[in-house]
Amino acid sequence: MTEVLRRGIAGMKSVNDMPVKQDMPPPGGFPAIRFGRRIANTGPSGTVVFGISALVIGFGFYKVGQTNLESRALKAELKAARETLLPLLQAEEDMKYV
C-alpha cells in the first residue's frame, strides 16, 4: 500500500508511482454461466386453481342464498307477529281517546 506522505521523509510522492496491478480472470477462466430456463413444476396447474376457486365461489353464493332465505323467513315471521298484535294495540290506543 501507499506510505504516509510527510514532508522530508522518503516515500512515494504520488499515488501514480504505485505499481499497476490489473484484475484478471482466474487461470483457466471463469466457470460457464448456466442461463437456461429451468422452472420448477411446483404447485397445481392454472386449470386446477381456476376450478377450485370456482367451487369456492359457488359454495359462497349458495351460502349467501341460504342466509337470504332464512332472513326472509324471519322477517315474514316478525311481520306476521306484528300484524297479529296490531288490532290489540290499536284498541288500546283508541281507548285513550274514547
N, C-alpha and C. Protein backbone atom coordinates (compact mmCIF):
# COMPACT_ATOMS: atom_id res chain seq x y z
N MET A 1 0.84 -1.18 0.00
CA MET A 1 0.00 0.00 0.00
C MET A 1 0.88 1.24 0.00
N THR A 2 0.23 2.35 -0.02
CA THR A 2 1.00 3.60 -0.04
C THR A 2 1.50 3.92 1.34
N GLU A 3 2.63 4.58 1.38
CA GLU A 3 3.17 5.04 2.65
C GLU A 3 2.59 6.41 2.96
N VAL A 4 2.67 6.76 4.21
CA VAL A 4 2.16 8.07 4.60
C VAL A 4 3.07 9.14 4.03
N LEU A 5 2.48 10.14 3.41
CA LEU A 5 3.27 11.22 2.83
C LEU A 5 3.49 12.30 3.88
N ARG A 6 4.78 12.48 4.21
CA ARG A 6 5.13 13.57 5.11
C ARG A 6 6.27 14.35 4.48
N ARG A 7 6.36 15.58 4.85
CA ARG A 7 7.42 16.40 4.28
C ARG A 7 8.78 15.95 4.82
N GLY A 8 9.72 15.80 3.91
CA GLY A 8 11.09 15.48 4.31
C GLY A 8 11.35 14.02 4.55
N ILE A 9 10.36 13.15 4.44
CA ILE A 9 10.58 11.73 4.67
C ILE A 9 10.47 11.02 3.32
N ALA A 10 11.36 10.04 3.12
CA ALA A 10 11.34 9.32 1.84
C ALA A 10 10.05 8.52 1.72
N GLY A 11 9.59 8.36 0.53
CA GLY A 11 8.37 7.62 0.27
C GLY A 11 7.85 7.98 -1.10
N MET A 12 6.68 7.51 -1.40
CA MET A 12 6.10 7.85 -2.69
C MET A 12 5.62 9.29 -2.67
N LYS A 13 5.80 9.92 -3.80
CA LYS A 13 5.36 11.30 -3.88
C LYS A 13 3.93 11.39 -4.40
N SER A 14 3.47 10.31 -5.04
CA SER A 14 2.14 10.34 -5.63
C SER A 14 1.59 8.91 -5.71
N VAL A 15 0.32 8.81 -5.81
CA VAL A 15 -0.31 7.51 -5.99
C VAL A 15 0.04 6.96 -7.36
N ASN A 16 0.35 7.84 -8.28
CA ASN A 16 0.69 7.40 -9.63
C ASN A 16 1.99 6.60 -9.64
N ASP A 17 2.81 6.70 -8.59
CA ASP A 17 4.06 5.94 -8.53
C ASP A 17 3.83 4.49 -8.14
N MET A 18 2.62 4.13 -7.73
CA MET A 18 2.35 2.75 -7.33
C MET A 18 2.40 1.83 -8.54
N PRO A 19 2.83 0.59 -8.33
CA PRO A 19 2.80 -0.35 -9.46
C PRO A 19 1.35 -0.68 -9.83
N VAL A 20 1.10 -0.88 -11.10
CA VAL A 20 -0.24 -1.14 -11.60
C VAL A 20 -0.50 -2.64 -11.49
N LYS A 21 -1.59 -2.98 -10.82
CA LYS A 21 -2.00 -4.38 -10.73
C LYS A 21 -3.42 -4.45 -11.24
N GLN A 22 -3.59 -5.09 -12.38
CA GLN A 22 -4.89 -5.15 -13.01
C GLN A 22 -5.59 -6.44 -12.62
N ASP A 23 -6.90 -6.35 -12.34
CA ASP A 23 -7.68 -7.54 -12.05
C ASP A 23 -7.82 -8.37 -13.31
N MET A 24 -7.53 -9.64 -13.19
CA MET A 24 -7.61 -10.55 -14.32
C MET A 24 -8.47 -11.74 -13.93
N PRO A 25 -8.98 -12.47 -14.92
CA PRO A 25 -9.76 -13.66 -14.59
C PRO A 25 -8.85 -14.73 -13.99
N PRO A 26 -9.41 -15.66 -13.26
CA PRO A 26 -8.58 -16.73 -12.69
C PRO A 26 -7.99 -17.59 -13.81
N PRO A 27 -6.90 -18.29 -13.52
CA PRO A 27 -6.31 -19.15 -14.55
C PRO A 27 -7.32 -20.19 -15.02
N GLY A 28 -7.46 -20.33 -16.28
CA GLY A 28 -8.44 -21.27 -16.83
C GLY A 28 -9.78 -20.60 -17.10
N GLY A 29 -9.95 -19.36 -16.68
CA GLY A 29 -11.17 -18.62 -16.95
C GLY A 29 -12.25 -18.86 -15.90
N PHE A 30 -13.30 -18.09 -16.00
CA PHE A 30 -14.43 -18.23 -15.10
C PHE A 30 -15.26 -19.44 -15.52
N PRO A 31 -15.98 -20.06 -14.57
CA PRO A 31 -16.84 -21.18 -14.96
C PRO A 31 -18.01 -20.68 -15.82
N ALA A 32 -18.54 -21.58 -16.64
CA ALA A 32 -19.64 -21.21 -17.54
C ALA A 32 -20.88 -20.84 -16.73
N ILE A 33 -21.61 -19.88 -17.24
CA ILE A 33 -22.84 -19.43 -16.57
C ILE A 33 -24.00 -20.20 -17.18
N ARG A 34 -24.77 -20.85 -16.33
CA ARG A 34 -25.96 -21.56 -16.81
C ARG A 34 -27.11 -20.58 -16.86
N PHE A 35 -27.57 -20.28 -18.05
CA PHE A 35 -28.64 -19.29 -18.19
C PHE A 35 -29.91 -19.87 -18.77
N GLY A 36 -29.99 -21.18 -18.93
CA GLY A 36 -31.20 -21.79 -19.46
C GLY A 36 -32.33 -21.70 -18.45
N ARG A 37 -33.56 -21.63 -18.96
CA ARG A 37 -34.73 -21.55 -18.06
C ARG A 37 -35.02 -22.92 -17.50
N ARG A 38 -34.93 -23.03 -16.21
CA ARG A 38 -35.27 -24.27 -15.53
C ARG A 38 -36.28 -23.93 -14.46
N ILE A 39 -37.54 -23.91 -14.85
CA ILE A 39 -38.61 -23.55 -13.92
C ILE A 39 -39.12 -24.83 -13.27
N ALA A 40 -39.12 -24.83 -11.97
CA ALA A 40 -39.60 -26.00 -11.24
C ALA A 40 -41.12 -26.12 -11.40
N ASN A 41 -41.58 -27.32 -11.58
CA ASN A 41 -43.01 -27.57 -11.73
C ASN A 41 -43.60 -27.82 -10.34
N THR A 42 -43.83 -26.75 -9.62
CA THR A 42 -44.37 -26.89 -8.26
C THR A 42 -45.77 -26.31 -8.22
N GLY A 43 -46.61 -26.93 -7.45
CA GLY A 43 -47.96 -26.41 -7.26
C GLY A 43 -48.91 -26.88 -8.34
N PRO A 44 -50.20 -26.61 -8.12
CA PRO A 44 -51.21 -27.06 -9.07
C PRO A 44 -51.19 -26.21 -10.34
N SER A 45 -51.75 -26.76 -11.39
CA SER A 45 -51.81 -26.02 -12.66
C SER A 45 -52.87 -24.92 -12.57
N GLY A 46 -52.86 -24.07 -13.57
CA GLY A 46 -53.83 -22.97 -13.59
C GLY A 46 -55.26 -23.44 -13.68
N THR A 47 -55.48 -24.54 -14.40
CA THR A 47 -56.83 -25.08 -14.53
C THR A 47 -57.36 -25.56 -13.18
N VAL A 48 -56.49 -26.21 -12.42
CA VAL A 48 -56.91 -26.70 -11.10
C VAL A 48 -57.22 -25.53 -10.17
N VAL A 49 -56.37 -24.52 -10.19
CA VAL A 49 -56.60 -23.34 -9.34
C VAL A 49 -57.91 -22.67 -9.74
N PHE A 50 -58.17 -22.56 -11.04
CA PHE A 50 -59.42 -21.94 -11.51
C PHE A 50 -60.62 -22.77 -11.08
N GLY A 51 -60.52 -24.09 -11.18
CA GLY A 51 -61.62 -24.96 -10.78
C GLY A 51 -61.92 -24.87 -9.30
N ILE A 52 -60.87 -24.88 -8.48
CA ILE A 52 -61.05 -24.79 -7.03
C ILE A 52 -61.66 -23.45 -6.66
N SER A 53 -61.16 -22.37 -7.28
CA SER A 53 -61.71 -21.05 -6.94
C SER A 53 -63.17 -20.96 -7.39
N ALA A 54 -63.53 -21.58 -8.53
CA ALA A 54 -64.92 -21.57 -8.97
C ALA A 54 -65.81 -22.32 -7.98
N LEU A 55 -65.31 -23.46 -7.46
CA LEU A 55 -66.08 -24.20 -6.46
C LEU A 55 -66.26 -23.39 -5.18
N VAL A 56 -65.21 -22.74 -4.73
CA VAL A 56 -65.31 -21.93 -3.50
C VAL A 56 -66.29 -20.78 -3.69
N ILE A 57 -66.21 -20.12 -4.84
CA ILE A 57 -67.14 -19.01 -5.11
C ILE A 57 -68.57 -19.52 -5.21
N GLY A 58 -68.76 -20.67 -5.86
CA GLY A 58 -70.10 -21.25 -5.96
C GLY A 58 -70.66 -21.61 -4.61
N PHE A 59 -69.84 -22.18 -3.74
CA PHE A 59 -70.28 -22.50 -2.38
C PHE A 59 -70.64 -21.23 -1.62
N GLY A 60 -69.86 -20.17 -1.83
CA GLY A 60 -70.17 -18.89 -1.18
C GLY A 60 -71.52 -18.34 -1.62
N PHE A 61 -71.80 -18.42 -2.93
CA PHE A 61 -73.10 -17.97 -3.42
C PHE A 61 -74.23 -18.81 -2.84
N TYR A 62 -73.99 -20.11 -2.72
CA TYR A 62 -75.01 -20.99 -2.14
C TYR A 62 -75.30 -20.58 -0.69
N LYS A 63 -74.25 -20.34 0.09
CA LYS A 63 -74.44 -19.95 1.50
C LYS A 63 -75.14 -18.60 1.60
N VAL A 64 -74.81 -17.67 0.73
CA VAL A 64 -75.49 -16.37 0.73
C VAL A 64 -76.97 -16.55 0.43
N GLY A 65 -77.28 -17.42 -0.54
CA GLY A 65 -78.68 -17.68 -0.87
C GLY A 65 -79.43 -18.32 0.29
N GLN A 66 -78.81 -19.28 0.98
CA GLN A 66 -79.45 -19.91 2.13
C GLN A 66 -79.68 -18.89 3.25
N THR A 67 -78.71 -18.02 3.48
CA THR A 67 -78.86 -16.99 4.51
C THR A 67 -79.97 -16.02 4.14
N ASN A 68 -80.08 -15.69 2.86
CA ASN A 68 -81.16 -14.80 2.42
C ASN A 68 -82.52 -15.44 2.65
N LEU A 69 -82.63 -16.75 2.38
CA LEU A 69 -83.90 -17.44 2.62
C LEU A 69 -84.26 -17.43 4.10
N GLU A 70 -83.29 -17.70 4.96
CA GLU A 70 -83.54 -17.67 6.42
C GLU A 70 -83.94 -16.28 6.87
N SER A 71 -83.24 -15.29 6.37
CA SER A 71 -83.54 -13.91 6.75
C SER A 71 -84.95 -13.52 6.29
N ARG A 72 -85.32 -13.93 5.09
CA ARG A 72 -86.65 -13.63 4.58
C ARG A 72 -87.72 -14.31 5.43
N ALA A 73 -87.46 -15.55 5.86
CA ALA A 73 -88.43 -16.27 6.70
C ALA A 73 -88.57 -15.58 8.06
N LEU A 74 -87.46 -15.14 8.64
CA LEU A 74 -87.53 -14.44 9.94
C LEU A 74 -88.28 -13.12 9.82
N LYS A 75 -88.04 -12.39 8.73
CA LYS A 75 -88.75 -11.12 8.53
C LYS A 75 -90.25 -11.36 8.35
N ALA A 76 -90.60 -12.43 7.64
CA ALA A 76 -92.02 -12.74 7.44
C ALA A 76 -92.67 -13.11 8.77
N GLU A 77 -91.94 -13.87 9.60
CA GLU A 77 -92.47 -14.24 10.92
C GLU A 77 -92.68 -13.01 11.79
N LEU A 78 -91.72 -12.10 11.77
CA LEU A 78 -91.84 -10.87 12.56
C LEU A 78 -93.00 -10.01 12.05
N LYS A 79 -93.17 -9.95 10.74
CA LYS A 79 -94.27 -9.17 10.18
C LYS A 79 -95.62 -9.79 10.56
N ALA A 80 -95.70 -11.12 10.53
CA ALA A 80 -96.96 -11.79 10.91
C ALA A 80 -97.27 -11.54 12.38
N ALA A 81 -96.26 -11.55 13.24
CA ALA A 81 -96.49 -11.29 14.66
C ALA A 81 -96.97 -9.86 14.88
N ARG A 82 -96.39 -8.91 14.16
CA ARG A 82 -96.83 -7.53 14.30
C ARG A 82 -98.27 -7.35 13.79
N GLU A 83 -98.58 -8.01 12.66
CA GLU A 83 -99.94 -7.90 12.13
C GLU A 83 -100.95 -8.55 13.06
N THR A 84 -100.54 -9.58 13.79
CA THR A 84 -101.44 -10.23 14.73
C THR A 84 -101.71 -9.33 15.93
N LEU A 85 -100.69 -8.64 16.39
CA LEU A 85 -100.85 -7.78 17.57
C LEU A 85 -101.43 -6.41 17.23
N LEU A 86 -101.46 -6.04 15.98
CA LEU A 86 -101.88 -4.70 15.60
C LEU A 86 -103.30 -4.35 16.06
N PRO A 87 -104.32 -5.21 15.91
CA PRO A 87 -105.65 -4.84 16.38
C PRO A 87 -105.69 -4.60 17.89
N LEU A 88 -104.97 -5.41 18.65
CA LEU A 88 -104.94 -5.22 20.11
C LEU A 88 -104.31 -3.88 20.47
N LEU A 89 -103.18 -3.57 19.85
CA LEU A 89 -102.51 -2.31 20.13
C LEU A 89 -103.36 -1.12 19.68
N GLN A 90 -104.05 -1.28 18.55
CA GLN A 90 -104.91 -0.19 18.08
C GLN A 90 -106.09 0.02 19.02
N ALA A 91 -106.63 -1.06 19.57
CA ALA A 91 -107.76 -0.95 20.51
C ALA A 91 -107.30 -0.24 21.78
N GLU A 92 -106.11 -0.57 22.27
CA GLU A 92 -105.61 0.12 23.47
C GLU A 92 -105.40 1.60 23.20
N GLU A 93 -104.90 1.90 22.03
CA GLU A 93 -104.67 3.30 21.68
C GLU A 93 -106.00 4.05 21.54
N ASP A 94 -107.01 3.38 20.99
CA ASP A 94 -108.31 4.03 20.82
C ASP A 94 -108.98 4.27 22.17
N MET A 95 -108.73 3.41 23.16
CA MET A 95 -109.35 3.58 24.49
C MET A 95 -108.87 4.87 25.14
N LYS A 96 -107.67 5.33 24.82
CA LYS A 96 -107.18 6.58 25.41
C LYS A 96 -108.02 7.77 24.97
N TYR A 97 -108.56 7.72 23.76
CA TYR A 97 -109.26 8.88 23.21
C TYR A 97 -110.77 8.74 23.25
N VAL A 98 -111.29 7.64 23.75
CA VAL A 98 -112.75 7.45 23.78
C VAL A 98 -113.29 7.78 25.14
